[in-house]
């Protein structure tokens, strides 16, 4: 794949705030690895420092640069243009980092939209409160909007940061533990078979199996090539090294076709016993997923199985004879969604309810702002922008999250971050309404927007980035 997305070139500009001066650059990873990309090397070091990671080795940096180059990642950085004090980090080390790349978000079985994925957002604490994040985010989202991307997405380490930029929590996961002391007892027999597998063979199977999962699972995003090293233990990008403790197993359907896999590792706890940590579990059907869980829980010396990326509503729990052995340790938002083009985004997803509604969308950054109609009463969904919404006092004051007001003739009014949460059905419209995040003409309009945006299943993302 090419290092630079078509029609994109490196850029450089200047920025000043609170008496500090900066150079802002956008650039790409080029051929030649570490030696040919000194700017990207320093960018990667700044990212690791920003997330309190260890100093990356040359080998680890090489793997990361290769993965970013493979998907045409655009790197953004802010550099101080002021004199650097003695012993401080050099001027070639960014004080803020940001990156994005082109991907795809599944919005329903067989349906997807282009998605602009954002990651590695850091600002050095000594350069905070100078608007660097807002400037990098604004530049990046502006490019995404101008390039015609309907939606942007990110996974967040801090949930309080991104709402002001229009991102809403769009998918959720749970962190679970399944007690395996008495092995997994199920109400119905599992389907197919599971075999322990060769890690490298699984790494070759994994992309095709994941693709089948991705195509039919709302909330899924494409994976970068680095995932297959994580699955096999060949390279763990979190730790910056290989992991020889990884084991794998494959599920086969009734015809003997490989249709799912699990990657896991054993964590000793007491004596010879221990817990299993699920690294990656992928199968496009629930029958295969439950069979893989049965395999994990029935391994000798395993007292519990831990999974940090389980779905919100899990068929496994309902299939267990003793569902009290299934414990949810944590519930968290996985994918944050930012609608950039409501017409394209809302037209792409599928609806099970026939309604016609007029929406007022508040977007302080302007990309999705306006009044829109959505009509699902015909053979095809029709979404149109019908006008500007009236300006409010919050708009005139330049607030990043203006209060939502309901204009005349509009059924539903909401902020663009709330639209991101509604988009794939992660939350009911009534929940947002009772939380004060949605305004409606009347209770009929609330019932209509709830019916319109509801989905048959919860969105599910298993690919943090």
Protein backbone atom coordinates (compact mmCIF):
# COMPACT_ATOMS: atom_id res chain seq x y z
CA UNK A 1 0.00 0.00 0.00
CA UNK A 2 1.12 3.57 -0.54
CA UNK A 3 2.49 5.66 2.31
CA UNK A 4 0.36 8.69 1.51
CA UNK A 5 -3.40 8.60 0.77
CA UNK A 6 -4.25 9.84 -2.74
CA UNK A 7 -4.22 13.61 -3.17
CA UNK A 8 -2.74 14.25 0.28
CA UNK A 9 0.58 15.99 0.88
CA UNK A 10 2.56 17.02 3.95
CA UNK A 11 1.69 20.45 5.31
CA UNK A 12 3.22 22.96 7.72
CA UNK A 13 1.81 26.04 9.41
CA UNK A 14 2.38 28.15 12.52
CA UNK A 15 0.28 28.72 15.62
CA UNK A 16 0.59 30.95 18.69
CA UNK A 17 -1.27 30.98 22.00
CA UNK A 18 -0.66 32.47 25.46
CA UNK A 19 2.77 33.76 24.45
CA UNK A 20 3.95 30.39 23.09
CA UNK A 21 4.79 29.76 19.44
CA UNK A 22 4.43 26.48 17.58
CA UNK A 23 4.95 24.83 14.22
CA UNK A 24 2.18 22.43 13.19
CA UNK A 25 3.04 19.69 10.72
CA UNK A 26 1.19 16.92 8.95
CA UNK A 27 3.37 14.18 7.48
CA UNK A 28 3.43 10.49 6.54
CA UNK A 29 5.61 7.45 7.13
CA UNK A 30 7.74 6.83 4.06
CA UNK A 31 9.63 3.78 2.83
CA UNK A 32 12.87 2.88 4.58
CA UNK A 33 11.77 2.15 8.13
CA UNK A 34 13.27 3.81 11.18
CA UNK A 35 16.36 5.20 9.42
CA UNK A 36 14.31 7.02 6.77
CA UNK A 37 11.70 8.47 9.14
CA UNK A 38 13.36 10.47 11.94
CA UNK A 39 10.34 12.76 12.31
CA UNK A 40 7.99 9.78 12.72
CA UNK A 41 10.40 8.18 15.21
CA UNK A 42 10.29 11.27 17.45
CA UNK A 43 6.51 11.42 17.02
CA UNK A 44 6.24 7.81 18.23
CA UNK A 45 8.49 8.53 21.22
CA UNK A 46 6.25 11.47 22.16
CA UNK A 47 3.16 9.23 21.96
CA UNK A 48 4.71 6.64 24.28
CA UNK A 49 5.68 9.37 26.76
CA UNK A 50 2.17 10.82 26.55
CA UNK A 51 0.64 7.49 27.59
CA UNK A 52 3.33 6.84 30.23
CA UNK A 53 4.88 4.00 28.25
CA UNK A 54 8.53 2.93 28.27
CA UNK A 55 11.05 4.34 25.82
CA UNK A 56 10.35 2.35 22.62
CA UNK A 57 13.05 0.14 21.18
CA UNK A 58 14.14 0.49 17.57
CA UNK A 59 12.47 -2.83 16.79
CA UNK A 60 9.18 -1.75 18.37
CA UNK A 61 9.28 1.57 16.53
CA UNK A 62 9.93 -0.24 13.26
CA UNK A 63 6.82 -2.39 13.73
CA UNK A 64 4.66 0.64 14.50
CA UNK A 65 5.94 2.63 11.52
CA UNK A 66 5.34 -0.31 9.21
CA UNK A 67 1.76 -0.68 10.43
CA UNK A 68 1.05 3.04 10.05
CA UNK A 69 2.54 3.13 6.59
CA UNK A 70 0.42 0.14 5.53
CA UNK A 71 -2.82 2.08 6.07
CA UNK A 72 -1.57 5.52 4.98
CA UNK A 73 -1.74 7.06 8.47
CA UNK A 74 -1.51 10.84 8.50
CA UNK A 75 0.58 12.03 11.44
CA UNK A 76 0.08 15.46 12.97
CA UNK A 77 2.35 17.11 15.48
CA UNK A 78 2.92 20.43 17.21
CA UNK A 79 6.54 21.53 17.85
CA UNK A 80 7.67 24.39 20.03
CA UNK A 81 9.14 27.26 18.03
CA UNK A 82 10.52 28.90 21.17
CA UNK A 83 14.00 28.40 22.67
CA UNK A 84 14.30 25.10 24.53
CA UNK A 85 15.74 25.28 28.09
CA UNK A 86 18.84 23.30 29.00
CA UNK A 87 18.14 19.56 29.53
CA UNK A 88 14.55 19.85 28.30
CA UNK A 89 13.30 17.57 25.53
CA UNK A 90 14.56 18.81 22.17
CA UNK A 91 12.62 20.89 19.70
CA UNK A 92 12.39 17.85 17.39
CA UNK A 93 10.19 16.04 19.94
CA UNK A 94 6.52 17.02 19.44
CA UNK A 95 4.69 18.66 22.31
CA UNK A 96 1.40 17.34 20.90
CA UNK A 97 0.57 14.35 18.70
CA UNK A 98 -2.43 13.23 16.66
CA UNK A 99 -3.02 10.79 13.82
CA UNK A 100 -5.82 9.56 11.58
CA UNK A 101 -6.42 7.15 8.72
CA UNK A 102 -9.18 6.03 6.37
CA UNK A 103 -11.26 3.03 7.39
CA UNK A 104 -14.80 1.66 7.27
CA UNK A 105 -17.53 1.43 9.91
CA UNK A 106 -20.17 -1.28 9.60
CA UNK A 107 -23.64 0.19 10.19
CA UNK A 108 -25.62 -3.03 9.67
CA UNK A 109 -25.24 -6.47 8.06
CA UNK A 110 -23.63 -5.91 4.67
CA UNK A 111 -23.72 -2.12 5.00
CA UNK A 112 -20.84 0.21 5.82
CA UNK A 113 -19.72 3.82 5.55
CA UNK A 114 -16.25 5.32 5.10
CA UNK A 115 -14.91 6.26 8.52
CA UNK A 116 -12.07 8.59 9.48
CA UNK A 117 -10.35 7.01 12.50
CA UNK A 118 -8.44 9.16 15.01
CA UNK A 119 -5.85 7.98 17.53
CA UNK A 120 -2.68 8.73 19.54
CA UNK A 121 -3.90 12.11 20.80
CA UNK A 122 -1.49 13.57 23.35
CA UNK A 123 -0.50 17.02 24.63
CA UNK A 124 2.56 17.46 26.85
CA UNK A 125 1.30 18.75 30.24
CA UNK A 126 3.63 21.75 30.14
CA UNK A 127 1.95 22.87 26.91
CA UNK A 128 -1.66 22.24 27.94
CA UNK A 129 -4.37 24.92 27.90
CA UNK A 130 -3.00 26.50 24.74
CA UNK A 131 -5.60 25.17 22.32
CA UNK A 132 -3.25 22.66 20.66
CA UNK A 133 -5.74 19.77 20.80
CA UNK A 134 -8.55 21.93 19.46
CA UNK A 135 -6.37 23.17 16.60
CA UNK A 136 -5.17 19.67 15.63
CA UNK A 137 -8.69 18.25 15.92
CA UNK A 138 -10.23 21.09 13.93
CA UNK A 139 -7.67 20.77 11.13
CA UNK A 140 -8.14 17.01 10.96
CA UNK A 141 -11.95 16.98 11.04
CA UNK A 142 -12.06 19.76 8.47
CA UNK A 143 -10.00 17.60 6.11
CA UNK A 144 -12.26 14.62 6.80
CA UNK A 145 -15.38 16.67 6.07
CA UNK A 146 -13.93 18.16 2.89
CA UNK A 147 -12.90 14.66 1.75
CA UNK A 148 -16.53 13.52 2.05
CA UNK A 149 -16.28 11.23 5.07
CA UNK A 150 -19.72 10.85 6.73
CA UNK A 151 -18.31 9.97 10.12
CA UNK A 152 -15.18 10.09 12.27
CA UNK A 153 -14.44 7.73 15.15
CA UNK A 154 -11.99 7.26 18.00
CA UNK A 155 -11.44 5.24 21.15
CA UNK A 156 -10.82 7.39 24.21
CA UNK A 157 -8.62 6.97 27.26
CA UNK A 158 -10.47 9.88 28.94
CA UNK A 159 -14.23 10.08 28.42
CA UNK A 160 -14.55 13.77 29.29
CA UNK A 161 -12.45 15.14 26.42
CA UNK A 162 -14.23 14.54 23.15
CA UNK A 163 -17.87 15.57 23.63
CA UNK A 164 -16.99 19.20 22.95
CA UNK A 165 -15.69 18.13 19.53
CA UNK A 166 -18.99 16.43 18.68
CA UNK A 167 -18.11 12.82 19.59
CA UNK A 168 -20.67 10.67 21.38
CA UNK A 169 -20.22 7.22 22.88
CA UNK A 170 -21.42 4.99 20.05
CA UNK A 171 -20.65 1.43 21.19
CA UNK A 172 -20.14 -0.17 24.60
CA UNK A 173 -18.34 -3.25 25.87
CA UNK A 174 -18.14 -5.10 29.16
CA UNK A 175 -15.24 -6.62 31.03
CA UNK A 176 -16.33 -10.04 32.28
CA UNK A 177 -15.13 -13.03 34.26
CA UNK A 178 -16.58 -16.53 33.86
CA UNK A 179 -16.00 -18.94 36.75
CA UNK A 180 -14.52 -22.19 35.40
CA UNK A 181 -14.16 -24.19 38.63
CA UNK A 182 -17.03 -26.47 37.59
CA UNK A 183 -16.36 -26.05 33.86
CA UNK A 184 -18.90 -24.38 31.60
CA UNK A 185 -22.35 -25.95 31.84
CA UNK A 186 -24.68 -24.92 29.03
CA UNK A 187 -28.43 -25.36 28.55
CA UNK A 188 -28.00 -26.36 24.90
CA UNK A 189 -25.25 -28.37 23.17
CA UNK A 190 -22.64 -26.43 21.23
CA UNK A 191 -22.36 -26.61 17.45
CA UNK A 192 -19.30 -27.64 15.44
CA UNK A 193 -15.93 -28.43 16.97
CA UNK A 194 -12.91 -26.63 18.46
CA UNK A 195 -9.26 -27.61 18.11
CA UNK A 196 -6.05 -26.18 19.54
CA UNK A 197 -4.25 -24.47 16.70
CA UNK A 198 -0.89 -23.36 15.36
CA UNK A 199 -0.46 -19.65 16.11
CA UNK A 200 1.04 -18.73 12.76
CA UNK A 201 -1.65 -20.64 10.89
CA UNK A 202 -4.29 -18.75 12.88
CA UNK A 203 -2.60 -15.46 11.98
CA UNK A 204 -3.12 -16.38 8.32
CA UNK A 205 -6.77 -17.38 8.90
CA UNK A 206 -7.62 -14.44 11.16
CA UNK A 207 -8.00 -11.66 8.54
CA UNK A 208 -10.62 -13.58 6.55
CA UNK A 209 -12.55 -14.66 9.67
CA UNK A 210 -12.47 -11.13 11.04
CA UNK A 211 -13.68 -9.77 7.70
CA UNK A 212 -16.78 -12.00 7.89
CA UNK A 213 -17.43 -10.75 11.44
CA UNK A 214 -16.81 -7.14 10.40
CA UNK A 215 -19.19 -7.21 7.43
CA UNK A 216 -22.19 -8.25 9.51
CA UNK A 217 -21.57 -6.51 12.84
CA UNK A 218 -22.75 -2.94 13.34
CA UNK A 219 -20.08 -0.97 15.20
CA UNK A 220 -17.13 -2.89 13.79
CA UNK A 221 -14.22 -1.03 12.17
CA UNK A 222 -11.46 -2.34 9.90
CA UNK A 223 -8.30 -3.63 11.55
CA UNK A 224 -4.71 -2.61 10.91
CA UNK A 225 -2.20 -5.36 9.96
CA UNK A 226 -0.59 -5.17 13.42
CA UNK A 227 -3.56 -7.08 14.83
CA UNK A 228 -2.45 -10.39 13.35
CA UNK A 229 0.87 -10.27 15.21
CA UNK A 230 -1.05 -9.65 18.44
CA UNK A 231 -3.33 -12.63 17.77
CA UNK A 232 -0.43 -15.01 17.15
CA UNK A 233 1.95 -13.64 19.77
CA UNK A 234 4.47 -12.75 17.06
CA UNK A 235 4.30 -9.10 18.10
CA UNK A 236 2.35 -7.40 20.91
CA UNK A 237 2.28 -3.72 20.01
CA UNK A 238 1.15 -2.82 23.55
CA UNK A 239 4.29 -4.33 25.09
CA UNK A 240 6.64 -3.72 22.17
CA UNK A 241 7.78 -7.34 21.98
CA UNK A 242 6.69 -10.85 21.04
CA UNK A 243 4.62 -12.91 23.48
CA UNK A 244 5.50 -16.64 23.52
CA UNK A 245 2.75 -17.34 26.06
CA UNK A 246 -0.05 -16.79 23.54
CA UNK A 247 -2.09 -19.86 22.60
CA UNK A 248 -4.84 -20.18 19.99
CA UNK A 249 -7.80 -22.37 19.10
CA UNK A 250 -10.08 -22.51 16.05
CA UNK A 251 -13.80 -23.26 15.75
CA UNK A 252 -14.99 -25.34 12.79
CA UNK A 253 -18.59 -25.41 11.58
CA UNK A 254 -20.55 -28.58 10.78
CA UNK A 255 -18.87 -28.73 7.36
CA UNK A 256 -15.38 -28.47 8.83
CA UNK A 257 -14.79 -24.88 7.75
CA UNK A 258 -12.83 -22.62 10.11
CA UNK A 259 -15.24 -19.84 11.10
CA UNK A 260 -13.91 -18.53 14.41
CA UNK A 261 -10.83 -18.34 16.59
CA UNK A 262 -9.67 -17.36 20.04
CA UNK A 263 -6.26 -16.11 21.15
CA UNK A 264 -5.52 -16.38 24.87
CA UNK A 265 -2.86 -16.69 27.56
CA UNK A 266 -2.60 -18.42 30.93
CA UNK A 267 -2.07 -16.27 34.04
CA UNK A 268 -0.85 -18.33 37.03
CA UNK A 269 -2.65 -17.48 40.27
CA UNK A 270 -1.95 -20.23 42.83
CA UNK A 271 0.13 -23.36 42.43
CA UNK A 272 -0.51 -24.87 39.03
CA UNK A 273 -3.90 -23.18 38.67
CA UNK A 274 -4.59 -19.91 36.97
CA UNK A 275 -6.89 -17.71 34.92
CA UNK A 276 -7.15 -17.41 31.17
CA UNK A 277 -7.04 -13.96 29.58
CA UNK A 278 -8.81 -13.67 26.23
CA UNK A 279 -6.63 -11.64 23.87
CA UNK A 280 -8.97 -11.83 20.86
CA UNK A 281 -12.13 -13.82 20.22
CA UNK A 282 -13.69 -13.53 16.77
CA UNK A 283 -16.53 -15.47 15.19
CA UNK A 284 -19.32 -14.14 12.95
CA UNK A 285 -21.95 -16.32 14.66
CA UNK A 286 -22.99 -16.79 18.28
CA UNK A 287 -22.90 -20.59 18.09
CA UNK A 288 -19.19 -20.53 17.34
CA UNK A 289 -18.47 -17.95 20.03
CA UNK A 290 -20.18 -20.03 22.70
CA UNK A 291 -18.32 -23.15 21.56
CA UNK A 292 -15.02 -21.27 21.92
CA UNK A 293 -16.03 -20.23 25.44
CA UNK A 294 -16.82 -23.85 26.27
CA UNK A 295 -13.33 -24.81 25.11
CA UNK A 296 -11.68 -22.11 27.25
CA UNK A 297 -13.64 -22.89 30.42
CA UNK A 298 -13.04 -26.64 30.13
CA UNK A 299 -9.25 -26.46 29.98
CA UNK A 300 -7.50 -28.16 32.90
CA UNK A 301 -6.20 -26.01 35.77
CA UNK A 302 -8.26 -22.99 34.67
CA UNK A 303 -10.28 -21.40 37.48
CA UNK A 304 -11.73 -18.45 35.53
CA UNK A 305 -11.71 -16.86 32.09
CA UNK A 306 -11.40 -13.09 31.73
CA UNK A 307 -12.48 -11.10 28.69
CA UNK A 308 -12.13 -7.31 28.48
CA UNK A 309 -14.15 -6.91 25.27
CA UNK A 310 -17.44 -8.77 25.74
CA UNK A 311 -20.71 -7.45 24.25
CA UNK A 312 -23.32 -5.59 26.26
CA UNK A 313 -25.94 -8.30 25.79
CA UNK A 314 -24.16 -11.63 25.77
CA UNK A 315 -25.84 -14.83 24.56
CA UNK A 316 -23.20 -16.76 26.51
CA UNK A 317 -24.64 -15.65 29.85
CA UNK A 318 -28.18 -16.60 28.85
CA UNK A 319 -27.00 -19.99 27.63
CA UNK A 320 -25.32 -20.89 30.94
CA UNK A 321 -27.00 -23.22 33.43
CA UNK A 322 -25.64 -21.03 36.24
CA UNK A 323 -25.54 -17.45 35.01
CA UNK A 324 -24.22 -16.30 38.40
CA UNK A 325 -20.85 -17.68 37.22
CA UNK A 326 -20.85 -14.84 34.68
CA UNK A 327 -19.69 -11.61 36.34
CA UNK A 328 -19.57 -8.18 34.73
CA UNK A 329 -16.60 -6.32 36.22
CA UNK A 330 -16.91 -3.13 34.21
CA UNK A 331 -19.02 -1.46 31.55
CA UNK A 332 -17.30 1.06 29.30
CA UNK A 333 -17.65 2.98 26.08
CA UNK A 334 -15.54 1.56 23.23
CA UNK A 335 -16.14 3.57 20.06
CA UNK A 336 -16.88 7.28 19.98
CA UNK A 337 -18.67 8.49 16.84
CA UNK A 338 -18.70 11.96 15.28
CA UNK A 339 -21.20 12.57 12.48
CA UNK A 340 -19.71 14.90 9.85
CA UNK A 341 -22.37 14.54 7.14
CA UNK A 342 -25.86 13.71 8.48
CA UNK A 343 -27.31 13.14 5.01
CA UNK A 344 -24.73 10.51 4.07
CA UNK A 345 -24.52 8.94 7.54
CA UNK A 346 -28.27 8.63 8.13
CA UNK A 347 -28.90 7.45 4.58
CA UNK A 348 -26.40 4.62 4.95
CA UNK A 349 -27.84 2.85 7.98
CA UNK A 350 -30.92 0.65 7.94
CA UNK A 351 -34.24 1.20 9.66
CA UNK A 352 -36.96 -1.18 10.80
CA UNK A 353 -39.52 1.55 11.46
CA UNK A 354 -41.37 3.70 8.91
CA UNK A 355 -41.34 7.31 10.05
CA UNK A 356 -40.87 10.86 8.79
CA UNK A 357 -39.18 13.30 11.15
CA UNK A 358 -37.57 16.72 11.07
CA UNK A 359 -34.37 17.02 13.12
CA UNK A 360 -32.47 20.08 14.32
CA UNK A 361 -28.80 19.19 14.81
CA UNK A 362 -26.58 21.50 16.86
CA UNK A 363 -22.90 21.39 15.87
CA UNK A 364 -20.66 24.20 17.12
CA UNK A 365 -17.98 23.18 14.60
CA UNK A 366 -20.48 23.57 11.77
CA UNK A 367 -20.01 20.28 9.92
CA UNK A 368 -23.39 18.72 10.77
CA UNK A 369 -25.30 21.82 11.86
CA UNK A 370 -28.75 22.48 10.43
CA UNK A 371 -32.29 21.21 10.02
CA UNK A 372 -32.78 17.85 8.31
CA UNK A 373 -35.68 15.62 7.34
CA UNK A 374 -35.46 11.85 7.44
CA UNK A 375 -38.13 9.79 5.70
CA UNK A 376 -38.21 5.99 5.87
CA UNK A 377 -41.80 5.57 4.70
CA UNK A 378 -40.87 4.74 1.11
CA UNK A 379 -38.83 2.03 -0.55
CA UNK A 380 -35.63 3.98 0.10
CA UNK A 381 -34.55 6.17 3.00
CA UNK A 382 -34.52 9.86 2.10
CA UNK A 383 -32.49 12.34 4.15
CA UNK A 384 -32.29 16.02 3.20
CA UNK A 385 -30.87 19.17 4.67
CA UNK A 386 -33.74 21.66 4.51
CA UNK A 387 -32.21 24.74 6.09
CA UNK A 388 -30.19 26.45 8.79
CA UNK A 389 -31.34 26.35 12.38
CA UNK A 390 -31.93 29.64 14.22
CA UNK A 391 -28.87 31.00 16.03
CA UNK A 392 -29.07 31.02 19.84
CA UNK A 393 -27.34 33.05 22.54
CA UNK A 394 -24.93 30.13 23.12
CA UNK A 395 -24.09 30.11 19.41
CA UNK A 396 -23.38 33.83 19.47
CA UNK A 397 -21.21 33.36 22.57
CA UNK A 398 -19.13 30.74 20.76
CA UNK A 399 -19.79 27.92 23.24
CA UNK A 400 -18.34 24.56 22.22
CA UNK A 401 -21.48 22.72 23.39
CA UNK A 402 -24.43 25.10 22.90
CA UNK A 403 -27.70 24.43 24.69
CA UNK A 404 -30.23 22.64 22.48
CA UNK A 405 -33.37 24.57 21.59
CA UNK A 406 -36.37 23.30 19.61
CA UNK A 407 -37.09 25.51 16.58
CA UNK A 408 -40.61 25.92 15.20
CA UNK A 409 -41.67 23.11 12.88
CA UNK A 410 -39.03 20.67 14.18
CA UNK A 411 -39.86 17.31 15.77
CA UNK A 412 -36.56 16.57 17.52
CA UNK A 413 -33.54 18.70 18.47
CA UNK A 414 -30.21 17.36 19.70
CA UNK A 415 -26.51 18.05 19.83
CA UNK A 416 -24.29 16.25 17.34
CA UNK A 417 -22.62 14.19 20.08
CA UNK A 418 -26.03 12.76 21.03
CA UNK A 419 -26.57 11.87 17.37
CA UNK A 420 -23.31 9.91 17.48
CA UNK A 421 -24.67 7.88 20.40
CA UNK A 422 -28.02 7.29 18.71
CA UNK A 423 -26.54 6.47 15.32
CA UNK A 424 -25.99 2.71 15.78
CA UNK A 425 -28.52 2.21 18.56
CA UNK A 426 -26.14 2.29 21.55
CA UNK A 427 -28.76 4.16 23.58
CA UNK A 428 -32.50 4.69 23.38
CA UNK A 429 -33.75 8.12 22.40
CA UNK A 430 -35.96 8.13 25.50
CA UNK A 431 -32.89 7.67 27.70
CA UNK A 432 -31.28 10.75 26.17
CA UNK A 433 -34.55 12.65 26.53
CA UNK A 434 -34.89 11.84 30.23
CA UNK A 435 -31.23 12.78 30.67
CA UNK A 436 -31.96 16.23 29.25
CA UNK A 437 -29.99 15.65 26.03
CA UNK A 438 -32.88 15.55 23.57
CA UNK A 439 -35.76 17.95 22.99
CA UNK A 440 -38.97 16.84 21.28
CA UNK A 441 -42.13 18.43 19.97
CA UNK A 442 -44.31 16.05 22.02
CA UNK A 443 -44.46 12.46 23.22
CA UNK A 444 -45.46 11.26 19.75
CA UNK A 445 -42.21 12.70 18.39
CA UNK A 446 -40.25 10.94 21.17
CA UNK A 447 -41.88 7.63 20.30
CA UNK A 448 -41.13 8.22 16.63
CA UNK A 449 -37.43 9.01 17.09
CA UNK A 450 -37.05 6.06 19.47
CA UNK A 451 -38.67 3.67 16.98
CA UNK A 452 -36.69 5.11 14.09
CA UNK A 453 -33.22 4.86 15.65
CA UNK A 454 -33.68 1.55 17.49
CA UNK A 455 -31.72 -1.42 16.14
CA UNK A 456 -32.29 -5.20 16.39
CA UNK A 457 -28.96 -5.73 18.19
CA UNK A 458 -26.50 -3.63 20.16
CA UNK A 459 -23.53 -2.32 18.16
CA UNK A 460 -20.32 -4.17 18.97
CA UNK A 461 -16.72 -3.11 18.35
CA UNK A 462 -13.88 -5.53 19.16
CA UNK A 463 -11.05 -3.53 17.58
CA UNK A 464 -9.78 -0.70 19.80
CA UNK A 465 -7.26 1.56 18.15
